[in-house]
Amino acid sequence: MKIYTKTGDKGETGLLGGERVPKNSLRINAYGTVDELNSFIGLALNEVKEDSIKAVLSKIQNQLFVLGTDLAAPETEKKIKIDRVPREFSEEIEKVIDKYESELVQLKNFILPGGSRGAAILHVCRTIARRAEREVVALNFTEKIDQNIIIFLNRISDLFFVLARFENKVSNIPDALWDK
């Protein structure tokens, strides 16, 4: 099977179920950004030192595939059965955030993104997750989107912030405080 199909040569792509939409539609932008996030998580996996963070990132990558598939199949699509993002994804993330945050010094100032290479990439993941969330919210104003998608993207952006701080901690790099 060839990787190229030529079906997108005129600026359209297919959703799950067969509907054709412009490649710059809100839906395609949203799940394209989720794909970008997943790619940066792959980069983070190569750079973080902490094995427990790597395990969390691997799980999130798999969850993002469920999320991307959910976005690629509008809720009005009845011909196919797919997994949708469950509330449990976000609940699991909250527990992970609490675990790592309990091992960090409480913040009293804003911090600058950076530190170790792994932490810096986790901060990039955080900002891409925020962009994906904004794009899904925009899509939600035009089409019905499962709210679990928005909640999950919001939680993982918080998680990336905490993981970046934890990665710096295990790398013996202090948080860089914002200097007013």
C-alpha atoms as a PDB file:
ATOM      1  CA  MET A   1       0.000   0.000   0.000  1.00  0.00           C
ATOM      2  CA  LYS A   2       1.392   3.405  -0.931  1.00  0.00           C
ATOM      3  CA  ILE A   3       1.576   6.163   1.665  1.00  0.00           C
ATOM      4  CA  TYR A   4       0.316   8.755  -0.794  1.00  0.00           C
ATOM      5  CA  THR A   5      -3.263   8.584  -2.042  1.00  0.00           C
ATOM      6  CA  LYS A   6      -3.516  11.847  -3.980  1.00  0.00           C
ATOM      7  CA  THR A   7      -7.022  12.324  -2.515  1.00  0.00           C
ATOM      8  CA  GLY A   8      -5.862  15.452  -0.672  1.00  0.00           C
ATOM      9  CA  ASP A   9      -4.232  17.160  -3.607  1.00  0.00           C
ATOM     10  CA  LYS A  10      -7.052  19.688  -3.903  1.00  0.00           C
ATOM     11  CA  GLY A  11      -6.940  20.808  -0.268  1.00  0.00           C
ATOM     12  CA  GLU A  12      -9.466  18.431   1.224  1.00  0.00           C
ATOM     13  CA  THR A  13      -9.137  15.460   3.527  1.00  0.00           C
ATOM     14  CA  GLY A  14     -11.468  12.737   4.728  1.00  0.00           C
ATOM     15  CA  LEU A  15     -12.901  12.348   8.201  1.00  0.00           C
ATOM     16  CA  LEU A  16     -13.621   8.940   9.648  1.00  0.00           C
ATOM     17  CA  GLY A  17     -16.872   7.935   8.018  1.00  0.00           C
ATOM     18  CA  GLY A  18     -15.922   9.429   4.663  1.00  0.00           C
ATOM     19  CA  GLU A  19     -17.000  13.079   4.856  1.00  0.00           C
ATOM     20  CA  ARG A  20     -14.598  15.381   2.962  1.00  0.00           C
ATOM     21  CA  VAL A  21     -13.601  18.687   4.580  1.00  0.00           C
ATOM     22  CA  PRO A  22     -11.092  21.444   3.798  1.00  0.00           C
ATOM     23  CA  LYS A  23      -7.649  20.827   5.281  1.00  0.00           C
ATOM     24  CA  ASN A  24      -7.840  24.171   7.059  1.00  0.00           C
ATOM     25  CA  SER A  25     -11.154  23.446   8.798  1.00  0.00           C
ATOM     26  CA  LEU A  26     -11.404  23.936  12.552  1.00  0.00           C
ATOM     27  CA  ARG A  27     -11.668  20.172  13.060  1.00  0.00           C
ATOM     28  CA  ILE A  28      -8.543  19.403  11.032  1.00  0.00           C
ATOM     29  CA  ASN A  29      -6.621  22.198  12.759  1.00  0.00           C
ATOM     30  CA  ALA A  30      -7.636  20.777  16.133  1.00  0.00           C
ATOM     31  CA  TYR A  31      -6.585  17.210  15.544  1.00  0.00           C
ATOM     32  CA  GLY A  32      -3.547  18.330  13.567  1.00  0.00           C
ATOM     33  CA  THR A  33      -2.378  20.197  16.656  1.00  0.00           C
ATOM     34  CA  VAL A  34      -3.049  17.101  18.766  1.00  0.00           C
ATOM     35  CA  ASP A  35      -0.825  15.186  16.324  1.00  0.00           C
ATOM     36  CA  GLU A  36       1.857  17.886  16.654  1.00  0.00           C
ATOM     37  CA  LEU A  37       1.641  17.568  20.447  1.00  0.00           C
ATOM     38  CA  ASN A  38       2.027  13.807  20.198  1.00  0.00           C
ATOM     39  CA  SER A  39       5.142  14.279  18.061  1.00  0.00           C
ATOM     40  CA  PHE A  40       6.679  16.638  20.604  1.00  0.00           C
ATOM     41  CA  ILE A  41       5.892  14.129  23.350  1.00  0.00           C
ATOM     42  CA  GLY A  42       7.912  11.635  21.296  1.00  0.00           C
ATOM     43  CA  LEU A  43      10.785  14.115  21.330  1.00  0.00           C
ATOM     44  CA  ALA A  44      10.365  14.628  25.079  1.00  0.00           C
ATOM     45  CA  LEU A  45      10.572  10.854  25.581  1.00  0.00           C
ATOM     46  CA  ASN A  46      14.062  10.964  24.095  1.00  0.00           C
ATOM     47  CA  GLU A  47      15.186  13.841  26.294  1.00  0.00           C
ATOM     48  CA  VAL A  48      13.721  13.411  29.789  1.00  0.00           C
ATOM     49  CA  LYS A  49      15.896  11.627  32.300  1.00  0.00           C
ATOM     50  CA  GLU A  50      13.229  10.432  34.724  1.00  0.00           C
ATOM     51  CA  ASP A  51      11.828   6.990  33.863  1.00  0.00           C
ATOM     52  CA  SER A  52       8.544   7.593  35.691  1.00  0.00           C
ATOM     53  CA  ILE A  53       7.933  10.638  33.477  1.00  0.00           C
ATOM     54  CA  LYS A  54       8.648   8.536  30.386  1.00  0.00           C
ATOM     55  CA  ALA A  55       5.959   6.064  31.468  1.00  0.00           C
ATOM     56  CA  VAL A  56       3.444   8.905  31.901  1.00  0.00           C
ATOM     57  CA  LEU A  57       4.328  10.356  28.496  1.00  0.00           C
ATOM     58  CA  SER A  58       3.934   6.996  26.755  1.00  0.00           C
ATOM     59  CA  LYS A  59       0.474   6.599  28.242  1.00  0.00           C
ATOM     60  CA  ILE A  60      -0.524  10.118  27.173  1.00  0.00           C
ATOM     61  CA  GLN A  61       0.632   9.385  23.615  1.00  0.00           C
ATOM     62  CA  ASN A  62      -1.785   6.457  23.449  1.00  0.00           C
ATOM     63  CA  GLN A  63      -4.583   8.511  24.984  1.00  0.00           C
ATOM     64  CA  LEU A  64      -3.975  11.250  22.413  1.00  0.00           C
ATOM     65  CA  PHE A  65      -4.551   8.714  19.639  1.00  0.00           C
ATOM     66  CA  VAL A  66      -7.989   8.040  21.128  1.00  0.00           C
ATOM     67  CA  LEU A  67      -8.565  11.797  21.329  1.00  0.00           C
ATOM     68  CA  GLY A  68      -7.433  12.354  17.727  1.00  0.00           C
ATOM     69  CA  THR A  69      -9.697   9.579  16.502  1.00  0.00           C
ATOM     70  CA  ASP A  70     -12.558  11.088  18.494  1.00  0.00           C
ATOM     71  CA  LEU A  71     -11.979  14.447  16.788  1.00  0.00           C
ATOM     72  CA  ALA A  72     -11.675  12.796  13.359  1.00  0.00           C
ATOM     73  CA  ALA A  73     -15.110  11.200  13.740  1.00  0.00           C
ATOM     74  CA  PRO A  74     -17.844  13.779  14.327  1.00  0.00           C
ATOM     75  CA  GLU A  75     -20.383  12.745  16.932  1.00  0.00           C
ATOM     76  CA  THR A  76     -23.022  12.831  14.196  1.00  0.00           C
ATOM     77  CA  GLU A  77     -21.163   9.969  12.455  1.00  0.00           C
ATOM     78  CA  LYS A  78     -23.183   6.825  13.191  1.00  0.00           C
ATOM     79  CA  LYS A  79     -21.734   4.421  10.587  1.00  0.00           C
ATOM     80  CA  ILE A  80     -18.606   3.615  12.564  1.00  0.00           C
ATOM     81  CA  LYS A  81     -17.959   2.734  16.169  1.00  0.00           C
ATOM     82  CA  ILE A  82     -14.904   4.282  17.797  1.00  0.00           C
ATOM     83  CA  ASP A  83     -13.636   4.804  21.305  1.00  0.00           C
ATOM     84  CA  ARG A  84     -14.408   8.247  22.664  1.00  0.00           C
ATOM     85  CA  VAL A  85     -12.376  10.093  25.297  1.00  0.00           C
ATOM     86  CA  PRO A  86     -13.664   8.948  28.695  1.00  0.00           C
ATOM     87  CA  ARG A  87     -13.756  11.144  31.817  1.00  0.00           C
ATOM     88  CA  GLU A  88     -11.348   8.635  33.397  1.00  0.00           C
ATOM     89  CA  PHE A  89      -8.493   9.962  31.239  1.00  0.00           C
ATOM     90  CA  SER A  90      -8.696  13.328  33.024  1.00  0.00           C
ATOM     91  CA  GLU A  91      -9.200  11.771  36.437  1.00  0.00           C
ATOM     92  CA  GLU A  92      -6.026   9.703  35.973  1.00  0.00           C
ATOM     93  CA  ILE A  93      -4.104  12.824  34.951  1.00  0.00           C
ATOM     94  CA  GLU A  94      -5.283  14.660  38.078  1.00  0.00           C
ATOM     95  CA  LYS A  95      -3.844  11.855  40.242  1.00  0.00           C
ATOM     96  CA  VAL A  96      -0.532  12.022  38.390  1.00  0.00           C
ATOM     97  CA  ILE A  97      -0.394  15.812  38.792  1.00  0.00           C
ATOM     98  CA  ASP A  98      -1.063  15.468  42.531  1.00  0.00           C
ATOM     99  CA  LYS A  99       1.676  12.828  42.869  1.00  0.00           C
ATOM    100  CA  TYR A 100       4.389  14.882  41.196  1.00  0.00           C
ATOM    101  CA  GLU A 101       3.277  18.212  42.632  1.00  0.00           C
ATOM    102  CA  SER A 102       3.527  16.808  46.167  1.00  0.00           C
ATOM    103  CA  GLU A 103       7.270  16.354  45.574  1.00  0.00           C
ATOM    104  CA  LEU A 104       7.843  19.938  44.403  1.00  0.00           C
ATOM    105  CA  VAL A 105       8.347  23.181  46.295  1.00  0.00           C
ATOM    106  CA  GLN A 106       5.168  25.243  46.181  1.00  0.00           C
ATOM    107  CA  LEU A 107       5.440  28.115  43.720  1.00  0.00           C
ATOM    108  CA  LYS A 108       5.111  31.686  44.963  1.00  0.00           C
ATOM    109  CA  ASN A 109       6.313  33.299  41.723  1.00  0.00           C
ATOM    110  CA  PHE A 110       5.901  32.758  38.011  1.00  0.00           C
ATOM    111  CA  ILE A 111       8.650  30.668  36.490  1.00  0.00           C
ATOM    112  CA  LEU A 112      10.266  30.874  33.093  1.00  0.00           C
ATOM    113  CA  PRO A 113      10.040  27.858  30.775  1.00  0.00           C
ATOM    114  CA  GLY A 114      13.347  26.064  30.428  1.00  0.00           C
ATOM    115  CA  GLY A 115      15.939  24.328  32.506  1.00  0.00           C
ATOM    116  CA  SER A 116      17.081  20.957  31.258  1.00  0.00           C
ATOM    117  CA  ARG A 117      16.496  20.012  27.634  1.00  0.00           C
ATOM    118  CA  GLY A 118      13.785  17.539  28.705  1.00  0.00           C
ATOM    119  CA  ALA A 119      12.018  20.137  30.843  1.00  0.00           C
ATOM    120  CA  ALA A 120      12.180  22.722  28.068  1.00  0.00           C
ATOM    121  CA  ILE A 121      10.542  20.278  25.652  1.00  0.00           C
ATOM    122  CA  LEU A 122       7.863  19.510  28.255  1.00  0.00           C
ATOM    123  CA  HIS A 123       7.141  23.242  28.395  1.00  0.00           C
ATOM    124  CA  VAL A 124       6.762  23.208  24.594  1.00  0.00           C
ATOM    125  CA  CYS A 125       4.324  20.298  25.013  1.00  0.00           C
ATOM    126  CA  ARG A 126       2.406  22.412  27.542  1.00  0.00           C
ATOM    127  CA  THR A 127       2.009  25.291  25.105  1.00  0.00           C
ATOM    128  CA  ILE A 128       0.986  23.016  22.237  1.00  0.00           C
ATOM    129  CA  ALA A 129      -1.590  21.360  24.514  1.00  0.00           C
ATOM    130  CA  ARG A 130      -2.961  24.826  25.321  1.00  0.00           C
ATOM    131  CA  ARG A 131      -3.194  25.648  21.604  1.00  0.00           C
ATOM    132  CA  ALA A 132      -4.953  22.333  20.933  1.00  0.00           C
ATOM    133  CA  GLU A 133      -7.391  23.151  23.718  1.00  0.00           C
ATOM    134  CA  ARG A 134      -8.112  26.588  22.220  1.00  0.00           C
ATOM    135  CA  GLU A 135      -8.690  25.039  18.802  1.00  0.00           C
ATOM    136  CA  VAL A 136     -11.058  22.405  20.187  1.00  0.00           C
ATOM    137  CA  VAL A 137     -12.937  25.116  22.095  1.00  0.00           C
ATOM    138  CA  ALA A 138     -13.279  27.101  18.850  1.00  0.00           C
ATOM    139  CA  LEU A 139     -14.550  23.972  17.102  1.00  0.00           C
ATOM    140  CA  ASN A 140     -17.005  23.429  19.949  1.00  0.00           C
ATOM    141  CA  PHE A 141     -18.673  26.750  19.068  1.00  0.00           C
ATOM    142  CA  THR A 142     -19.512  25.416  15.587  1.00  0.00           C
ATOM    143  CA  GLU A 143     -20.016  21.681  16.195  1.00  0.00           C
ATOM    144  CA  LYS A 144     -20.842  19.501  19.164  1.00  0.00           C
ATOM    145  CA  ILE A 145     -17.613  18.263  20.744  1.00  0.00           C
ATOM    146  CA  ASP A 146     -17.408  15.896  23.697  1.00  0.00           C
ATOM    147  CA  GLN A 147     -16.458  18.007  26.712  1.00  0.00           C
ATOM    148  CA  ASN A 148     -14.121  15.255  27.923  1.00  0.00           C
ATOM    149  CA  ILE A 149     -11.766  16.226  25.091  1.00  0.00           C
ATOM    150  CA  ILE A 150     -11.515  19.812  26.326  1.00  0.00           C
ATOM    151  CA  ILE A 151     -11.103  18.741  29.955  1.00  0.00           C
ATOM    152  CA  PHE A 152      -8.360  16.240  29.075  1.00  0.00           C
ATOM    153  CA  LEU A 153      -6.387  18.788  27.045  1.00  0.00           C
ATOM    154  CA  ASN A 154      -6.685  21.263  29.913  1.00  0.00           C
ATOM    155  CA  ARG A 155      -5.402  18.689  32.412  1.00  0.00           C
ATOM    156  CA  ILE A 156      -2.451  17.510  30.347  1.00  0.00           C
ATOM    157  CA  SER A 157      -1.238  21.074  29.859  1.00  0.00           C
ATOM    158  CA  ASP A 158      -1.167  21.401  33.658  1.00  0.00           C
ATOM    159  CA  LEU A 159       0.572  18.041  33.852  1.00  0.00           C
ATOM    160  CA  PHE A 160       3.299  19.098  31.416  1.00  0.00           C
ATOM    161  CA  PHE A 161       3.998  22.137  33.613  1.00  0.00           C
ATOM    162  CA  VAL A 162       4.385  19.943  36.693  1.00  0.00           C
ATOM    163  CA  LEU A 163       6.435  17.324  34.831  1.00  0.00           C
ATOM    164  CA  ALA A 164       8.788  20.030  33.523  1.00  0.00           C
ATOM    165  CA  ARG A 165       9.355  21.263  37.063  1.00  0.00           C
ATOM    166  CA  PHE A 166       9.897  17.711  38.307  1.00  0.00           C
ATOM    167  CA  GLU A 167      12.331  16.945  35.479  1.00  0.00           C
ATOM    168  CA  ASN A 168      14.327  20.026  36.472  1.00  0.00           C
ATOM    169  CA  LYS A 169      14.260  18.907  40.100  1.00  0.00           C
ATOM    170  CA  VAL A 170      15.699  15.460  39.323  1.00  0.00           C
ATOM    171  CA  SER A 171      18.251  17.154  37.040  1.00  0.00           C
ATOM    172  CA  ASN A 172      19.261  19.466  39.935  1.00  0.00           C
ATOM    173  CA  ILE A 173      18.219  22.563  38.006  1.00  0.00           C
ATOM    174  CA  PRO A 174      16.222  25.100  40.030  1.00  0.00           C
ATOM    175  CA  ASP A 175      13.119  26.781  38.635  1.00  0.00           C
ATOM    176  CA  ALA A 176      14.039  30.021  36.889  1.00  0.00           C
ATOM    177  CA  LEU A 177      11.910  32.645  38.574  1.00  0.00           C
ATOM    178  CA  TRP A 178      10.437  35.475  36.557  1.00  0.00           C
ATOM    179  CA  ASP A 179      12.344  38.653  37.316  1.00  0.00           C
ATOM    180  CA  LYS A 180       9.978  41.595  37.182  1.00  0.00           C
END
